[in-house]
C-alpha atoms as a PDB file:
ATOM      1  CA  MET A   1      82.435 112.804  90.844  1.00  0.00           C
ATOM      2  CA  THR A   2      81.950 112.788  94.642  1.00  0.00           C
ATOM      3  CA  GLU A   3      82.944 109.708  96.838  1.00  0.00           C
ATOM      4  CA  LYS A   4      79.348 108.820  97.088  1.00  0.00           C
ATOM      5  CA  GLU A   5      78.811 108.807  93.427  1.00  0.00           C
ATOM      6  CA  ALA A   6      82.164 106.867  93.055  1.00  0.00           C
ATOM      7  CA  ILE A   7      80.858 104.103  95.528  1.00  0.00           C
ATOM      8  CA  VAL A   8      77.729 103.768  93.289  1.00  0.00           C
ATOM      9  CA  ALA A   9      79.609 103.753  90.018  1.00  0.00           C
ATOM     10  CA  ARG A  10      82.460 101.488  90.970  1.00  0.00           C
ATOM     11  CA  HIS A  11      82.166  97.701  89.954  1.00  0.00           C
ATOM     12  CA  SER A  12      84.916  95.033  89.854  1.00  0.00           C
ATOM     13  CA  VAL A  13      86.583  94.957  86.399  1.00  0.00           C
ATOM     14  CA  ARG A  14      88.875  92.171  85.196  1.00  0.00           C
ATOM     15  CA  GLN A  15      89.642  93.069  81.705  1.00  0.00           C
ATOM     16  CA  TYR A  16      91.713  96.279  80.807  1.00  0.00           C
ATOM     17  CA  ILE A  17      92.695  98.074  77.650  1.00  0.00           C
ATOM     18  CA  GLU A  18      96.282  99.139  76.799  1.00  0.00           C
ATOM     19  CA  LYS A  19      95.963 102.781  77.713  1.00  0.00           C
ATOM     20  CA  PRO A  20      98.545 104.194  80.098  1.00  0.00           C
ATOM     21  CA  ILE A  21      97.372 105.933  83.223  1.00  0.00           C
ATOM     22  CA  GLU A  22      98.154 109.659  82.994  1.00  0.00           C
ATOM     23  CA  ALA A  23     101.081 110.827  85.089  1.00  0.00           C
ATOM     24  CA  GLU A  24      99.024 113.362  87.018  1.00  0.00           C
ATOM     25  CA  LYS A  25      96.662 110.546  88.055  1.00  0.00           C
ATOM     26  CA  ILE A  26      99.541 108.386  89.102  1.00  0.00           C
ATOM     27  CA  GLU A  27     100.965 111.219  91.315  1.00  0.00           C
ATOM     28  CA  GLU A  28      97.533 111.862  92.825  1.00  0.00           C
ATOM     29  CA  LEU A  29      97.179 108.248  93.747  1.00  0.00           C
ATOM     30  CA  LYS A  30     100.695 108.084  95.128  1.00  0.00           C
ATOM     31  CA  ALA A  31     100.126 111.070  97.305  1.00  0.00           C
ATOM     32  CA  LEU A  32      96.914 109.404  98.682  1.00  0.00           C
ATOM     33  CA  VAL A  33      98.663 106.196  99.350  1.00  0.00           C
ATOM     34  CA  GLU A  34     101.329 108.125 101.345  1.00  0.00           C
ATOM     35  CA  GLU A  35      98.646 109.878 103.244  1.00  0.00           C
ATOM     36  CA  CYS A  36      96.883 106.566 104.121  1.00  0.00           C
ATOM     37  CA  ASN A  37     100.095 104.975 105.130  1.00  0.00           C
ATOM     38  CA  GLN A  38     100.953 107.763 107.391  1.00  0.00           C
ATOM     39  CA  GLU A  39      97.404 107.869 108.957  1.00  0.00           C
ATOM     40  CA  GLY A  40      96.706 104.118 109.131  1.00  0.00           C
ATOM     41  CA  GLY A  41     100.229 102.603 109.667  1.00  0.00           C
ATOM     42  CA  THR A  42      99.674 100.635 106.422  1.00  0.00           C
ATOM     43  CA  HIS A  43     102.450  99.897 103.780  1.00  0.00           C
ATOM     44  CA  ILE A  44     100.167 100.174 100.617  1.00  0.00           C
ATOM     45  CA  GLN A  45     102.184 100.540  97.429  1.00  0.00           C
ATOM     46  CA  LEU A  46     101.237 101.628  93.956  1.00  0.00           C
ATOM     47  CA  VAL A  47     102.980  99.399  91.225  1.00  0.00           C
ATOM     48  CA  THR A  48     103.019 100.581  87.603  1.00  0.00           C
ATOM     49  CA  ASN A  49     104.157  98.991  84.354  1.00  0.00           C
ATOM     50  CA  GLU A  50     104.541  95.563  85.907  1.00  0.00           C
ATOM     51  CA  PRO A  51     102.638  92.957  83.880  1.00  0.00           C
ATOM     52  CA  LYS A  52     104.022  89.697  85.422  1.00  0.00           C
ATOM     53  CA  ALA A  53     101.577  89.538  88.414  1.00  0.00           C
ATOM     54  CA  PHE A  54      98.663  88.876  85.974  1.00  0.00           C
ATOM     55  CA  ALA A  55     100.496  86.875  83.321  1.00  0.00           C
ATOM     56  CA  GLY A  56     100.170  83.384  84.855  1.00  0.00           C
ATOM     57  CA  GLY A  57      97.667  80.661  84.639  1.00  0.00           C
ATOM     58  CA  MET A  58      95.802  81.592  87.711  1.00  0.00           C
ATOM     59  CA  ALA A  59      95.043  85.125  86.358  1.00  0.00           C
ATOM     60  CA  LYS A  60      93.987  83.705  83.043  1.00  0.00           C
ATOM     61  CA  TYR A  61      91.698  81.169  84.905  1.00  0.00           C
ATOM     62  CA  GLY A  62      90.110  84.172  86.692  1.00  0.00           C
ATOM     63  CA  LYS A  63      89.629  85.922  83.277  1.00  0.00           C
ATOM     64  CA  PHE A  64      91.957  88.821  84.111  1.00  0.00           C
ATOM     65  CA  SER A  65      93.709  90.427  81.202  1.00  0.00           C
ATOM     66  CA  GLY A  66      95.497  93.626  80.185  1.00  0.00           C
ATOM     67  CA  ILE A  67      96.619  94.453  83.768  1.00  0.00           C
ATOM     68  CA  SER A  68     100.111  95.965  84.241  1.00  0.00           C
ATOM     69  CA  ASN A  69      99.324  98.497  87.090  1.00  0.00           C
ATOM     70  CA  TYR A  70      97.992  97.477  90.538  1.00  0.00           C
ATOM     71  CA  ILE A  71      98.030  98.440  94.178  1.00  0.00           C
ATOM     72  CA  ALA A  72      99.912  96.137  96.608  1.00  0.00           C
ATOM     73  CA  VAL A  73      97.835  96.076  99.900  1.00  0.00           C
ATOM     74  CA  VAL A  74     100.526  95.568 102.358  1.00  0.00           C
ATOM     75  CA  GLY A  75     100.092  96.079 106.230  1.00  0.00           C
ATOM     76  CA  LYS A  76     100.846  94.754 109.638  1.00  0.00           C
ATOM     77  CA  LYS A  77     100.131  91.090 110.132  1.00  0.00           C
ATOM     78  CA  GLY A  78      96.624  90.608 111.658  1.00  0.00           C
ATOM     79  CA  ASP A  79      95.656  94.164 110.670  1.00  0.00           C
ATOM     80  CA  ASP A  80      93.195  93.011 107.882  1.00  0.00           C
ATOM     81  CA  THR A  81      90.443  95.414 108.668  1.00  0.00           C
ATOM     82  CA  ASN A  82      92.680  98.458 108.492  1.00  0.00           C
ATOM     83  CA  ALA A  83      94.258  97.264 105.298  1.00  0.00           C
ATOM     84  CA  GLY A  84      90.859  96.869 103.694  1.00  0.00           C
ATOM     85  CA  TYR A  85      89.676 100.271 104.889  1.00  0.00           C
ATOM     86  CA  TYR A  86      92.746 102.154 103.390  1.00  0.00           C
ATOM     87  CA  GLY A  87      92.842 100.042 100.226  1.00  0.00           C
ATOM     88  CA  GLU A  88      89.236 100.950  99.536  1.00  0.00           C
ATOM     89  CA  LYS A  89      89.920 104.601 100.136  1.00  0.00           C
ATOM     90  CA  VAL A  90      92.466 104.458  97.263  1.00  0.00           C
ATOM     91  CA  VAL A  91      90.018 102.404  95.101  1.00  0.00           C
ATOM     92  CA  ILE A  92      87.381 105.045  95.367  1.00  0.00           C
ATOM     93  CA  ARG A  93      89.799 107.753  94.593  1.00  0.00           C
ATOM     94  CA  ALA A  94      90.682 105.801  91.493  1.00  0.00           C
ATOM     95  CA  GLN A  95      87.107 105.624  90.416  1.00  0.00           C
ATOM     96  CA  MET A  96      86.849 109.341  90.867  1.00  0.00           C
ATOM     97  CA  LEU A  97      89.670 109.790  88.599  1.00  0.00           C
ATOM     98  CA  GLY A  98      87.936 107.661  85.815  1.00  0.00           C
ATOM     99  CA  LEU A  99      89.959 104.489  86.449  1.00  0.00           C
ATOM    100  CA  ASN A 100      88.743 100.870  87.088  1.00  0.00           C
ATOM    101  CA  THR A 101      89.772  98.448  89.800  1.00  0.00           C
ATOM    102  CA  CYS A 102      89.339  94.824  91.130  1.00  0.00           C
ATOM    103  CA  TRP A 103      90.358  93.421  94.524  1.00  0.00           C
ATOM    104  CA  VAL A 104      92.295  90.237  93.903  1.00  0.00           C
ATOM    105  CA  GLY A 105      92.980  87.838  96.725  1.00  0.00           C
ATOM    106  CA  LEU A 106      94.404  84.699  95.012  1.00  0.00           C
ATOM    107  CA  MET A 107      94.510  84.875  91.220  1.00  0.00           C
ATOM    108  CA  PHE A 108      97.759  86.664  90.684  1.00  0.00           C
ATOM    109  CA  SER A 109     101.413  85.763  90.909  1.00  0.00           C
ATOM    110  CA  LYS A 110     103.520  87.452  93.754  1.00  0.00           C
ATOM    111  CA  GLN A 111     106.277  89.631  92.474  1.00  0.00           C
ATOM    112  CA  PRO A 112     108.548  90.425  95.513  1.00  0.00           C
ATOM    113  CA  ASP A 113     110.832  92.626  93.523  1.00  0.00           C
ATOM    114  CA  ALA A 114     107.813  94.938  92.678  1.00  0.00           C
ATOM    115  CA  TYR A 115     106.864  95.916  96.126  1.00  0.00           C
ATOM    116  CA  GLN A 116     108.276  95.647  99.774  1.00  0.00           C
ATOM    117  CA  VAL A 117     106.870  93.418 102.474  1.00  0.00           C
ATOM    118  CA  ARG A 118     108.785  93.731 105.760  1.00  0.00           C
ATOM    119  CA  ASP A 119     109.125  90.884 108.363  1.00  0.00           C
ATOM    120  CA  ASP A 120     106.126  92.045 110.506  1.00  0.00           C
ATOM    121  CA  GLU A 121     103.940  92.748 107.413  1.00  0.00           C
ATOM    122  CA  LYS A 122     101.731  90.750 105.043  1.00  0.00           C
ATOM    123  CA  LEU A 123     100.710  91.193 101.446  1.00  0.00           C
ATOM    124  CA  PHE A 124      96.832  90.827 101.895  1.00  0.00           C
ATOM    125  CA  CYS A 125      95.953  91.055  98.229  1.00  0.00           C
ATOM    126  CA  VAL A 126      96.476  93.327  95.204  1.00  0.00           C
ATOM    127  CA  ILE A 127      94.014  95.615  93.469  1.00  0.00           C
ATOM    128  CA  ALA A 128      94.053  95.660  89.605  1.00  0.00           C
ATOM    129  CA  LEU A 129      94.197  99.206  88.290  1.00  0.00           C
ATOM    130  CA  GLY A 130      93.686 100.782  84.884  1.00  0.00           C
ATOM    131  CA  TYR A 131      91.220 101.558  82.125  1.00  0.00           C
ATOM    132  CA  GLY A 132      88.690  98.831  81.967  1.00  0.00           C
ATOM    133  CA  ALA A 133      87.468  97.291  78.710  1.00  0.00           C
ATOM    134  CA  ASN A 134      84.060  97.570  80.422  1.00  0.00           C
ATOM    135  CA  GLN A 135      82.565  99.191  83.547  1.00  0.00           C
ATOM    136  CA  GLY A 136      81.713  95.940  85.348  1.00  0.00           C
ATOM    137  CA  VAL A 137      78.384  94.808  86.699  1.00  0.00           C
ATOM    138  CA  GLN A 138      76.777  95.576  89.904  1.00  0.00           C
ATOM    139  CA  HIS A 139      76.658  92.587  92.353  1.00  0.00           C
ATOM    140  CA  LYS A 140      73.200  91.520  93.690  1.00  0.00           C
ATOM    141  CA  VAL A 141      72.186  94.006  96.518  1.00  0.00           C
ATOM    142  CA  LYS A 142      70.477  92.381  99.476  1.00  0.00           C
ATOM    143  CA  PRO A 143      68.125  94.233 101.868  1.00  0.00           C
ATOM    144  CA  VAL A 144      69.649  96.621 104.464  1.00  0.00           C
ATOM    145  CA  GLU A 145      68.066  94.679 107.340  1.00  0.00           C
ATOM    146  CA  ASP A 146      70.109  91.697 106.472  1.00  0.00           C
ATOM    147  CA  PHE A 147      73.218  93.571 107.716  1.00  0.00           C
ATOM    148  CA  THR A 148      71.858  95.538 110.731  1.00  0.00           C
ATOM    149  CA  GLU A 149      70.954  95.266 114.288  1.00  0.00           C
ATOM    150  CA  VAL A 150      68.936  98.227 115.611  1.00  0.00           C
ATOM    151  CA  ASN A 151      66.644  98.642 118.619  1.00  0.00           C
ATOM    152  CA  GLY A 152      63.858 100.999 117.521  1.00  0.00           C
ATOM    153  CA  PRO A 153      63.494 103.117 114.428  1.00  0.00           C
ATOM    154  CA  MET A 154      66.494 103.117 112.068  1.00  0.00           C
ATOM    155  CA  PRO A 155      68.148 106.577 111.663  1.00  0.00           C
ATOM    156  CA  GLU A 156      68.245 107.819 108.118  1.00  0.00           C
ATOM    157  CA  TRP A 157      72.056 108.334 108.312  1.00  0.00           C
ATOM    158  CA  PHE A 158      72.576 104.818 109.577  1.00  0.00           C
ATOM    159  CA  ARG A 159      70.434 103.416 106.723  1.00  0.00           C
ATOM    160  CA  LYS A 160      72.469 105.436 104.224  1.00  0.00           C
ATOM    161  CA  GLY A 161      75.666 104.143 105.650  1.00  0.00           C
ATOM    162  CA  VAL A 162      74.644 100.493 105.449  1.00  0.00           C
ATOM    163  CA  LYS A 163      73.248 101.041 101.799  1.00  0.00           C
ATOM    164  CA  ALA A 164      76.715 102.268 100.915  1.00  0.00           C
ATOM    165  CA  ALA A 165      78.439  99.374 102.722  1.00  0.00           C
ATOM    166  CA  ILE A 166      76.499  96.682 100.852  1.00  0.00           C
ATOM    167  CA  LEU A 167      77.851  98.173  97.700  1.00  0.00           C
ATOM    168  CA  ALA A 168      81.382  97.295  98.828  1.00  0.00           C
ATOM    169  CA  PRO A 169      83.347  94.540  97.055  1.00  0.00           C
ATOM    170  CA  THR A 170      83.910  91.346  99.164  1.00  0.00           C
ATOM    171  CA  ALA A 171      85.351  88.128  98.365  1.00  0.00           C
ATOM    172  CA  VAL A 172      83.023  86.096  96.069  1.00  0.00           C
ATOM    173  CA  ASN A 173      80.304  88.615  97.303  1.00  0.00           C
ATOM    174  CA  GLN A 174      80.242  86.868 100.609  1.00  0.00           C
ATOM    175  CA  GLN A 175      79.294  90.116 102.551  1.00  0.00           C
ATOM    176  CA  LYS A 176      80.027  88.570 106.078  1.00  0.00           C
ATOM    177  CA  PHE A 177      79.619  91.788 108.027  1.00  0.00           C
ATOM    178  CA  LYS A 178      77.027  93.355 110.202  1.00  0.00           C
ATOM    179  CA  PHE A 179      76.465  96.914 111.533  1.00  0.00           C
ATOM    180  CA  VAL A 180      75.058  97.287 115.035  1.00  0.00           C
ATOM    181  CA  LEU A 181      73.512 100.644 116.319  1.00  0.00           C
ATOM    182  CA  ARG A 182      74.081 101.341 120.039  1.00  0.00           C
ATOM    183  CA  ASP A 183      73.195 104.236 122.236  1.00  0.00           C
ATOM    184  CA  GLY A 184      71.856 106.491 119.588  1.00  0.00           C
ATOM    185  CA  ASN A 185      74.955 107.184 117.372  1.00  0.00           C
ATOM    186  CA  LYS A 186      77.539 104.564 118.335  1.00  0.00           C
ATOM    187  CA  VAL A 187      78.268 101.847 115.735  1.00  0.00           C
ATOM    188  CA  GLU A 188      79.680  98.341 116.244  1.00  0.00           C
ATOM    189  CA  THR A 189      80.806  96.195 113.524  1.00  0.00           C
ATOM    190  CA  GLN A 190      80.766  92.246 113.468  1.00  0.00           C
ATOM    191  CA  THR A 191      81.898  89.559 111.091  1.00  0.00           C
ATOM    192  CA  ARG A 192      80.367  86.259 110.567  1.00  0.00           C
ATOM    193  CA  PHE A 193      82.265  82.957 109.755  1.00  0.00           C
ATOM    194  CA  SER A 194      83.659  82.709 106.345  1.00  0.00           C
ATOM    195  CA  ILE A 195      84.902  79.406 104.927  1.00  0.00           C
ATOM    196  CA  ILE A 196      87.067  81.230 102.361  1.00  0.00           C
ATOM    197  CA  GLY A 197      88.492  83.845 104.725  1.00  0.00           C
ATOM    198  CA  TYR A 198      88.988  87.596 103.893  1.00  0.00           C
ATOM    199  CA  ALA A 199      86.065  88.564 106.170  1.00  0.00           C
ATOM    200  CA  LYS A 200      88.039  90.975 108.277  1.00  0.00           C
ATOM    201  CA  LEU A 201      89.541  92.548 105.191  1.00  0.00           C
ATOM    202  CA  ASP A 202      86.168  92.831 103.582  1.00  0.00           C
ATOM    203  CA  LEU A 203      84.798  94.367 106.914  1.00  0.00           C
ATOM    204  CA  GLY A 204      87.414  97.219 106.454  1.00  0.00           C
ATOM    205  CA  ILE A 205      86.227  97.955 102.847  1.00  0.00           C
ATOM    206  CA  ALA A 206      82.650  97.966 104.033  1.00  0.00           C
ATOM    207  CA  LYS A 207      83.548 100.285 107.030  1.00  0.00           C
ATOM    208  CA  TYR A 208      84.875 102.819 104.593  1.00  0.00           C
ATOM    209  CA  HIS A 209      81.858 102.698 102.490  1.00  0.00           C
ATOM    210  CA  PHE A 210      79.709 103.201 105.691  1.00  0.00           C
ATOM    211  CA  GLU A 211      81.595 106.230 106.779  1.00  0.00           C
ATOM    212  CA  VAL A 212      81.071 107.797 103.232  1.00  0.00           C
ATOM    213  CA  GLY A 213      77.405 107.074 103.226  1.00  0.00           C
ATOM    214  CA  ALA A 214      76.573 107.993 106.829  1.00  0.00           C
ATOM    215  CA  GLY A 215      78.888 110.802 107.163  1.00  0.00           C
ATOM    216  CA  LYS A 216      81.612 110.788 109.817  1.00  0.00           C
ATOM    217  CA  ASP A 217      80.136 113.539 111.957  1.00  0.00           C
ATOM    218  CA  ASN A 218      76.870 111.506 112.532  1.00  0.00           C
ATOM    219  CA  PHE A 219      78.328 108.688 114.484  1.00  0.00           C
ATOM    220  CA  SER A 220      81.459 107.140 116.239  1.00  0.00           C
ATOM    221  CA  TRP A 221      82.745 103.642 115.985  1.00  0.00           C
ATOM    222  CA  ILE A 222      82.827 101.278 119.001  1.00  0.00           C
END
């Protein structure tokens, strides 16, 4: 499975079966997490065999079950977009490995002993990880034009990038992001006001999808 295929196949999954993740898959994800942390200055951590985070009332209210593995998305305070970008990079690799995921912002219990958050860092959210009881459902997809600003004809690479971006998971499917094409191949991103927050984190997730869809060689970020 390619990254583009994984973006299409990935849906949020809240219920998981009791099937251990194979050691080789854990090692591959750990290696990618380390690579992301080195490249992006994040402090993402893979947590395994830890069921307490999703054992409380909030998780049950959110209909989460069977979760004992997750990704702790930790990064510098205020660096929400970067955290979202690299967290989603790990999510897409997990999908390529046949695993399921779900970004979770509130409906879990923090477990300070399971991961490290330094004084200048923040736990932005966690990502449930494992073998899903189902493959999830695609969220409603809006038109590409709802998320773009382009003067003149829209290049095909840009359209493909935005089509991938609107498949990105966002908090309650709010999709408060926009891609603006400037000077032929320069892309600017914008966020719109969100009453529930998470817009900057969501933007980072969408930016990773855009890169995969558009192809890094076709543009540069502003």
